[in-house]
N, C-alpha and C. Protein backbone atom coordinates (compact mmCIF):
# COMPACT_ATOMS: atom_id res chain seq x y z
N MET A 1 180.24 58.04 101.81
CA MET A 1 180.09 57.94 103.40
C MET A 1 179.48 56.02 103.76
N THR A 2 178.66 55.84 103.20
CA THR A 2 178.04 54.40 103.00
C THR A 2 179.89 53.00 103.33
N LYS A 3 180.37 53.62 102.75
CA LYS A 3 181.29 52.40 102.66
C LYS A 3 181.60 52.30 103.66
N LEU A 4 182.42 53.65 103.90
CA LEU A 4 183.01 54.16 105.84
C LEU A 4 182.20 53.92 106.67
N THR A 5 180.79 53.99 106.64
CA THR A 5 180.50 52.93 107.69
C THR A 5 180.17 51.21 107.69
N PHE A 6 180.01 51.09 106.28
CA PHE A 6 180.47 49.58 106.46
C PHE A 6 182.02 49.02 106.99
N GLY A 7 182.41 49.95 106.44
CA GLY A 7 184.18 49.62 106.58
C GLY A 7 184.23 49.70 108.11
N ALA A 8 183.79 50.38 108.62
CA ALA A 8 183.66 50.55 110.28
C ALA A 8 183.12 49.27 111.21
N LEU A 9 182.12 49.06 110.51
CA LEU A 9 181.40 48.00 111.07
C LEU A 9 181.57 46.77 110.97
N VAL A 10 183.17 46.67 109.49
CA VAL A 10 183.59 45.16 108.97
C VAL A 10 184.61 44.90 110.89
N ALA A 11 185.36 46.20 110.70
CA ALA A 11 186.42 46.13 111.39
C ALA A 11 185.62 45.79 113.27
N LEU A 12 184.62 46.66 113.69
CA LEU A 12 184.21 46.59 115.01
C LEU A 12 183.48 44.87 114.83
N ALA A 13 183.29 44.19 114.25
CA ALA A 13 182.38 42.92 113.79
C ALA A 13 183.85 42.25 114.09
N MET A 14 184.74 41.93 113.32
CA MET A 14 186.12 41.46 113.24
C MET A 14 186.81 41.50 114.89
N THR A 15 186.96 43.04 115.40
CA THR A 15 187.20 43.44 117.43
C THR A 15 186.03 42.32 117.36
N ALA A 16 185.45 42.22 117.43
CA ALA A 16 184.57 41.80 118.78
C ALA A 16 184.69 39.94 118.68
N ALA A 17 184.54 39.48 117.60
CA ALA A 17 185.07 38.59 117.20
C ALA A 17 186.74 37.95 117.67
N ALA A 18 187.41 38.61 117.20
CA ALA A 18 188.46 37.84 118.01
C ALA A 18 188.58 38.22 119.82
N SER A 19 188.04 39.35 120.41
CA SER A 19 188.21 39.62 121.95
C SER A 19 187.19 38.27 122.36
N THR A 20 186.23 37.90 121.91
CA THR A 20 185.64 36.58 121.85
C THR A 20 186.23 35.33 121.41
N ALA A 21 186.83 35.25 121.24
CA ALA A 21 187.90 33.75 120.75
C ALA A 21 188.75 34.26 121.62
N ILE A 22 189.46 34.84 121.91
CA ILE A 22 190.40 34.80 123.12
C ILE A 22 190.35 34.71 124.54
N SER A 23 188.99 35.27 124.74
CA SER A 23 188.13 35.27 125.89
C SER A 23 187.75 33.44 126.25
N SER A 24 187.29 32.60 125.13
CA SER A 24 186.76 31.20 125.14
C SER A 24 188.47 30.94 125.23
N ALA A 25 189.30 31.10 124.67
CA ALA A 25 190.54 29.69 124.57
C ALA A 25 190.58 29.95 126.39
N MET A 26 190.90 31.55 126.93
CA MET A 26 191.37 31.45 128.19
C MET A 26 189.92 30.91 129.00
N ALA A 27 189.16 30.55 128.32
CA ALA A 27 188.14 29.98 129.17
C ALA A 27 188.21 28.62 129.01
N GLN A 28 188.89 28.10 127.86
CA GLN A 28 189.15 26.44 127.92
C GLN A 28 190.34 26.31 128.76
N ASP A 29 191.12 27.39 129.00
CA ASP A 29 192.53 27.21 129.19
C ASP A 29 192.33 26.54 131.06
N ALA A 30 191.02 27.52 131.29
CA ALA A 30 191.20 27.44 132.60
C ALA A 30 190.57 25.87 132.91
N ALA A 31 190.02 25.58 132.28
CA ALA A 31 188.90 24.40 132.74
C ALA A 31 189.95 23.31 132.50
N ALA A 32 190.97 23.33 131.29
CA ALA A 32 191.44 22.30 130.77
C ALA A 32 192.15 22.27 132.33
N GLY A 33 193.42 23.47 132.74
CA GLY A 33 194.09 23.23 134.27
C GLY A 33 192.88 23.51 135.10
N LYS A 34 191.90 23.25 135.27
CA LYS A 34 190.88 22.74 136.79
C LYS A 34 190.97 20.91 136.99
N THR A 35 190.94 20.58 135.40
CA THR A 35 191.43 18.89 135.02
C THR A 35 192.53 18.87 135.82
N SER A 36 193.62 19.48 134.98
CA SER A 36 195.36 19.23 135.34
C SER A 36 195.05 19.32 137.30
N PHE A 37 194.08 20.14 137.64
CA PHE A 37 194.34 20.44 139.18
C PHE A 37 194.07 19.66 139.86
N ASN A 38 193.18 17.78 139.09
CA ASN A 38 192.72 16.70 139.95
C ASN A 38 194.01 16.10 140.15
N LYS A 39 194.87 16.51 139.62
CA LYS A 39 196.40 15.69 139.88
C LYS A 39 196.65 16.45 141.58
N CYS A 40 196.72 17.53 141.51
CA CYS A 40 196.76 18.32 142.77
C CYS A 40 195.93 17.83 144.38
N LEU A 41 194.70 17.68 144.47
CA LEU A 41 193.68 18.01 145.09
C LEU A 41 193.32 16.83 146.28
N ALA A 42 194.45 16.19 146.16
CA ALA A 42 194.89 15.50 147.24
C ALA A 42 195.59 16.28 147.92
N CYS A 43 196.63 17.28 148.02
CA CYS A 43 197.21 17.94 148.40
C CYS A 43 196.76 18.91 148.75
N HIS A 44 196.30 19.69 147.93
CA HIS A 44 196.35 21.25 147.79
C HIS A 44 194.30 21.57 147.65
N ALA A 45 193.86 22.51 147.95
CA ALA A 45 192.53 23.00 147.74
C ALA A 45 192.89 24.12 147.13
N ILE A 46 192.08 25.38 146.75
CA ILE A 46 191.56 26.35 146.29
C ILE A 46 190.18 26.73 145.94
N GLY A 47 190.32 27.78 146.05
CA GLY A 47 188.60 28.14 145.71
C GLY A 47 188.06 28.81 147.68
N GLU A 48 186.81 29.14 147.08
CA GLU A 48 186.18 29.61 148.00
C GLU A 48 186.01 28.96 149.16
N GLY A 49 186.83 28.44 150.61
CA GLY A 49 186.46 28.09 151.73
C GLY A 49 187.80 26.60 151.87
N ALA A 50 189.05 27.17 151.19
CA ALA A 50 189.61 25.76 150.95
C ALA A 50 190.26 26.79 152.20
N LYS A 51 191.37 24.90 152.48
CA LYS A 51 191.94 24.89 153.71
C LYS A 51 193.21 24.31 153.51
N ASN A 52 193.92 24.08 154.24
CA ASN A 52 194.96 23.79 154.24
C ASN A 52 195.37 21.95 154.07
N LYS A 53 196.24 21.23 153.71
CA LYS A 53 195.95 19.53 153.43
C LYS A 53 197.17 19.39 153.62
N VAL A 54 197.79 18.22 153.26
CA VAL A 54 198.80 17.80 153.30
C VAL A 54 200.11 18.78 153.20
N GLY A 55 199.48 19.76 152.03
CA GLY A 55 200.21 21.03 151.27
C GLY A 55 199.03 21.85 151.60
N PRO A 56 200.06 23.63 151.41
CA PRO A 56 198.79 24.84 151.65
C PRO A 56 197.99 24.69 150.57
N GLU A 57 196.91 25.45 151.21
CA GLU A 57 195.44 25.97 150.52
C GLU A 57 196.40 27.27 148.86
N LEU A 58 195.74 27.22 147.87
CA LEU A 58 197.33 27.72 146.91
C LEU A 58 195.90 28.92 146.27
N ASN A 59 194.84 29.58 146.98
CA ASN A 59 194.37 30.68 146.73
C ASN A 59 195.31 31.91 146.47
N GLY A 60 195.38 32.86 145.94
CA GLY A 60 195.97 34.13 145.77
C GLY A 60 197.17 33.93 145.71
N LEU A 61 198.16 32.37 145.01
CA LEU A 61 199.17 32.11 145.12
C LEU A 61 199.98 33.48 144.17
N ASN A 62 200.00 33.67 143.27
CA ASN A 62 200.48 34.90 142.60
C ASN A 62 200.52 35.80 143.37
N GLY A 63 202.29 36.15 143.95
CA GLY A 63 202.36 37.51 144.80
C GLY A 63 202.35 36.84 145.63
N ARG A 64 202.61 35.82 145.70
CA ARG A 64 202.44 35.85 147.76
C ARG A 64 203.74 34.39 147.79
N LYS A 65 204.24 35.38 148.96
CA LYS A 65 205.93 34.20 148.53
C LYS A 65 205.36 32.81 149.40
N SER A 66 206.45 32.15 149.15
CA SER A 66 207.00 31.09 149.59
C SER A 66 206.83 30.69 150.92
N GLY A 67 205.96 29.98 151.71
CA GLY A 67 205.95 29.53 152.91
C GLY A 67 205.44 30.69 153.49
N THR A 68 204.12 31.23 152.94
CA THR A 68 203.61 31.86 153.91
C THR A 68 201.96 31.94 154.11
N ALA A 69 201.73 30.73 153.66
CA ALA A 69 199.74 30.26 153.72
C ALA A 69 199.89 30.19 155.41
N PRO A 70 198.37 31.07 155.77
CA PRO A 70 198.21 31.19 157.12
C PRO A 70 198.11 29.52 157.76
N ASP A 71 198.93 29.24 158.70
CA ASP A 71 198.12 27.90 159.78
C ASP A 71 198.96 26.48 158.78
N TYR A 72 200.18 26.63 158.14
CA TYR A 72 200.59 25.85 157.30
C TYR A 72 201.64 25.74 158.07
N ASN A 73 202.32 24.48 157.87
CA ASN A 73 203.87 23.87 158.66
C ASN A 73 204.18 23.71 157.43
N TYR A 74 205.33 24.58 157.09
CA TYR A 74 206.51 24.58 156.14
C TYR A 74 207.19 24.42 156.26
N SER A 75 208.23 23.30 155.79
CA SER A 75 208.98 23.03 155.86
C SER A 75 210.90 24.17 155.31
N ASP A 76 211.66 24.36 156.00
CA ASP A 76 212.64 25.53 156.46
C ASP A 76 213.27 25.60 154.80
N ALA A 77 213.00 24.76 153.68
CA ALA A 77 213.62 25.00 152.80
C ALA A 77 212.55 25.94 152.09
N ASN A 78 210.85 25.38 152.36
CA ASN A 78 209.98 26.48 151.67
C ASN A 78 210.26 28.15 151.96
N LYS A 79 210.16 27.49 153.42
CA LYS A 79 209.98 29.25 153.86
C LYS A 79 211.12 30.29 154.06
N ASN A 80 212.31 29.30 153.66
CA ASN A 80 213.68 30.42 153.16
C ASN A 80 214.29 30.22 151.66
N SER A 81 213.52 29.98 151.03
CA SER A 81 213.86 30.42 149.42
C SER A 81 213.80 30.94 148.96
N GLY A 82 212.49 32.37 149.52
CA GLY A 82 213.06 33.49 148.92
C GLY A 82 212.34 33.73 147.98
N ILE A 83 211.43 32.82 147.41
CA ILE A 83 210.58 32.62 146.53
C ILE A 83 209.58 33.36 146.75
N THR A 84 209.01 34.56 145.60
CA THR A 84 207.59 35.10 145.28
C THR A 84 206.88 34.32 144.44
N TRP A 85 205.72 33.71 144.29
CA TRP A 85 205.54 33.07 143.24
C TRP A 85 204.67 33.96 142.50
N ASP A 86 205.05 33.93 140.92
CA ASP A 86 204.52 34.50 139.67
C ASP A 86 204.14 33.15 138.14
N GLU A 87 204.28 33.67 137.64
CA GLU A 87 203.73 32.17 136.35
C GLU A 87 205.10 31.78 135.97
N ALA A 88 206.26 32.87 135.78
CA ALA A 88 207.57 31.75 135.14
C ALA A 88 207.96 30.92 136.36
N THR A 89 208.17 31.47 137.92
CA THR A 89 208.51 30.31 139.19
C THR A 89 207.45 29.56 139.08
N PHE A 90 206.14 29.49 139.28
CA PHE A 90 205.55 28.15 139.41
C PHE A 90 205.57 27.17 138.36
N LYS A 91 205.81 27.71 137.01
CA LYS A 91 206.01 26.57 135.63
C LYS A 91 207.01 26.39 136.36
N GLU A 92 208.57 26.96 136.75
CA GLU A 92 209.20 25.55 136.44
C GLU A 92 209.60 25.24 137.37
N TYR A 93 208.71 25.59 138.72
CA TYR A 93 208.71 24.86 140.01
C TYR A 93 207.62 23.62 139.41
N ILE A 94 207.06 23.66 138.92
CA ILE A 94 205.40 22.38 139.09
C ILE A 94 206.68 21.38 138.24
N LYS A 95 207.69 21.54 137.09
CA LYS A 95 208.37 21.20 136.40
C LYS A 95 208.87 19.85 137.67
N ASP A 96 209.79 20.23 138.59
CA ASP A 96 210.43 19.67 139.42
C ASP A 96 210.34 20.29 140.83
N PRO A 97 209.20 20.17 141.45
CA PRO A 97 209.24 20.58 142.84
C PRO A 97 211.01 20.97 143.65
N LYS A 98 211.10 19.52 143.87
CA LYS A 98 212.83 19.15 144.55
C LYS A 98 213.71 19.18 143.74
N ALA A 99 214.11 19.76 142.64
CA ALA A 99 214.73 20.75 141.76
C ALA A 99 215.02 21.89 142.07
N LYS A 100 213.65 22.47 142.62
CA LYS A 100 214.03 24.13 142.28
C LYS A 100 213.76 24.26 143.75
N ILE A 101 212.85 24.14 144.71
CA ILE A 101 213.47 24.13 146.01
C ILE A 101 213.86 22.84 146.68
N PRO A 102 215.14 22.41 146.76
CA PRO A 102 215.27 21.39 147.23
C PRO A 102 215.14 21.27 148.82
N GLY A 103 214.78 20.28 149.52
CA GLY A 103 213.86 20.17 151.00
C GLY A 103 212.84 20.00 151.21
N THR A 104 212.00 20.16 149.85
CA THR A 104 210.59 20.93 150.10
C THR A 104 209.96 19.32 150.49
N LYS A 105 208.57 19.96 150.93
CA LYS A 105 207.96 18.68 151.86
C LYS A 105 207.08 18.10 150.50
N MET A 106 206.94 18.47 149.40
CA MET A 106 206.37 18.52 148.39
C MET A 106 207.04 17.12 147.12
N ALA A 107 206.30 15.87 148.00
CA ALA A 107 206.79 14.96 147.13
C ALA A 107 205.86 14.55 145.84
N PHE A 108 206.20 15.13 145.01
CA PHE A 108 205.36 15.21 143.79
C PHE A 108 206.41 15.23 142.49
N ALA A 109 206.08 14.07 141.79
CA ALA A 109 206.88 13.70 140.70
C ALA A 109 207.34 15.48 139.71
N GLY A 110 206.03 16.29 139.64
CA GLY A 110 205.95 16.91 138.42
C GLY A 110 205.34 16.88 137.21
N ILE A 111 204.87 18.01 136.62
CA ILE A 111 204.01 18.02 135.43
C ILE A 111 205.20 18.39 134.46
N LYS A 112 205.71 17.52 133.26
CA LYS A 112 206.58 18.22 132.52
C LYS A 112 205.60 18.56 131.48
N ASN A 113 204.61 18.39 131.06
CA ASN A 113 203.89 18.79 129.94
C ASN A 113 203.48 20.17 129.68
N GLU A 114 204.61 21.22 128.47
CA GLU A 114 204.47 22.26 128.50
C GLU A 114 202.65 23.47 128.66
N THR A 115 201.63 22.34 128.05
CA THR A 115 200.23 22.93 127.64
C THR A 115 199.63 22.62 129.01
N GLU A 116 199.93 21.43 129.72
CA GLU A 116 199.46 21.29 130.49
C GLU A 116 199.64 22.37 131.64
N VAL A 117 201.12 22.60 132.05
CA VAL A 117 201.44 23.43 132.78
C VAL A 117 200.92 24.64 132.76
N ASN A 118 201.43 25.49 132.05
CA ASN A 118 200.16 26.42 131.40
C ASN A 118 199.25 26.50 131.77
N ASN A 119 197.71 25.34 130.99
CA ASN A 119 196.95 25.43 131.45
C ASN A 119 196.20 25.49 133.36
N LEU A 120 197.32 24.54 134.14
CA LEU A 120 197.33 24.73 135.18
C LEU A 120 197.74 25.87 136.02
N TRP A 121 198.44 26.49 135.54
CA TRP A 121 198.95 28.55 136.07
C TRP A 121 197.70 28.92 135.68
N THR A 122 197.17 29.10 134.58
CA THR A 122 195.83 29.68 134.37
C THR A 122 194.71 29.35 134.97
N PHE A 123 194.44 28.35 135.66
CA PHE A 123 193.88 27.74 136.83
C PHE A 123 193.85 28.45 137.99
N ILE A 124 194.83 27.92 138.76
CA ILE A 124 195.62 28.83 139.52
C ILE A 124 195.37 29.83 139.50
N SER A 125 195.90 30.58 138.80
CA SER A 125 196.21 32.48 139.13
C SER A 125 194.51 33.00 138.82
N GLN A 126 193.91 32.48 138.72
CA GLN A 126 192.52 33.08 138.33
C GLN A 126 191.87 33.09 140.20
N PHE A 127 192.15 32.41 140.77
CA PHE A 127 191.23 32.99 142.36
C PHE A 127 192.72 33.75 143.38
N ASP A 128 191.82 34.92 143.56
CA ASP A 128 192.31 35.80 144.79
C ASP A 128 192.80 35.02 145.72
N LYS A 129 193.12 35.98 146.84
CA LYS A 129 192.99 35.66 148.11
C LYS A 129 192.47 34.87 149.26
N ASP A 130 191.19 35.14 148.79
CA ASP A 130 189.98 34.43 149.34
C ASP A 130 189.09 33.31 148.81
N GLY A 131 189.78 33.20 147.60
CA GLY A 131 189.75 32.31 147.03
C GLY A 131 188.43 32.83 146.21
N LYS A 132 188.26 34.03 145.63
CA LYS A 132 187.44 34.31 144.53
C LYS A 132 187.86 34.42 143.58
N ILE A 133 186.90 33.85 142.22
CA ILE A 133 187.90 33.82 140.50
C ILE A 133 187.65 35.89 140.79
N LYS A 134 188.73 36.18 140.16
CA LYS A 134 188.94 37.26 139.88
C LYS A 134 188.60 37.92 138.93
N GLN A 135 187.83 38.78 138.48
CA GLN A 135 187.06 39.31 137.28
C GLN A 135 187.93 40.43 136.22
């Protein structure tokens, strides 16, 4: 019985450690993504109180249809792209915006580094439409 209890405790401890490591890795990705978002800050805002700038605010981007942020004057290319933002679409877009949506007003060369793109998505996708971090 003692061996069984000890084995169960070891398994529980290993599960907790793995869970903590995963949470820590996700936090690191979001922190790195926040640093990458500095490249976006001149044109975009995110978080509570975010407002449109040269580009639209990015709260609640995951699941949002392109060209639909309130009170932002989008190009026809964005409004008519048929895109609903998700992880795969964002990652393709951010590497070369003008290739993904020809005619977009977004004048940005793109981010080519896969790790940086992944971290940026982790940061952006954590915000809900009200700018609060999802739990």
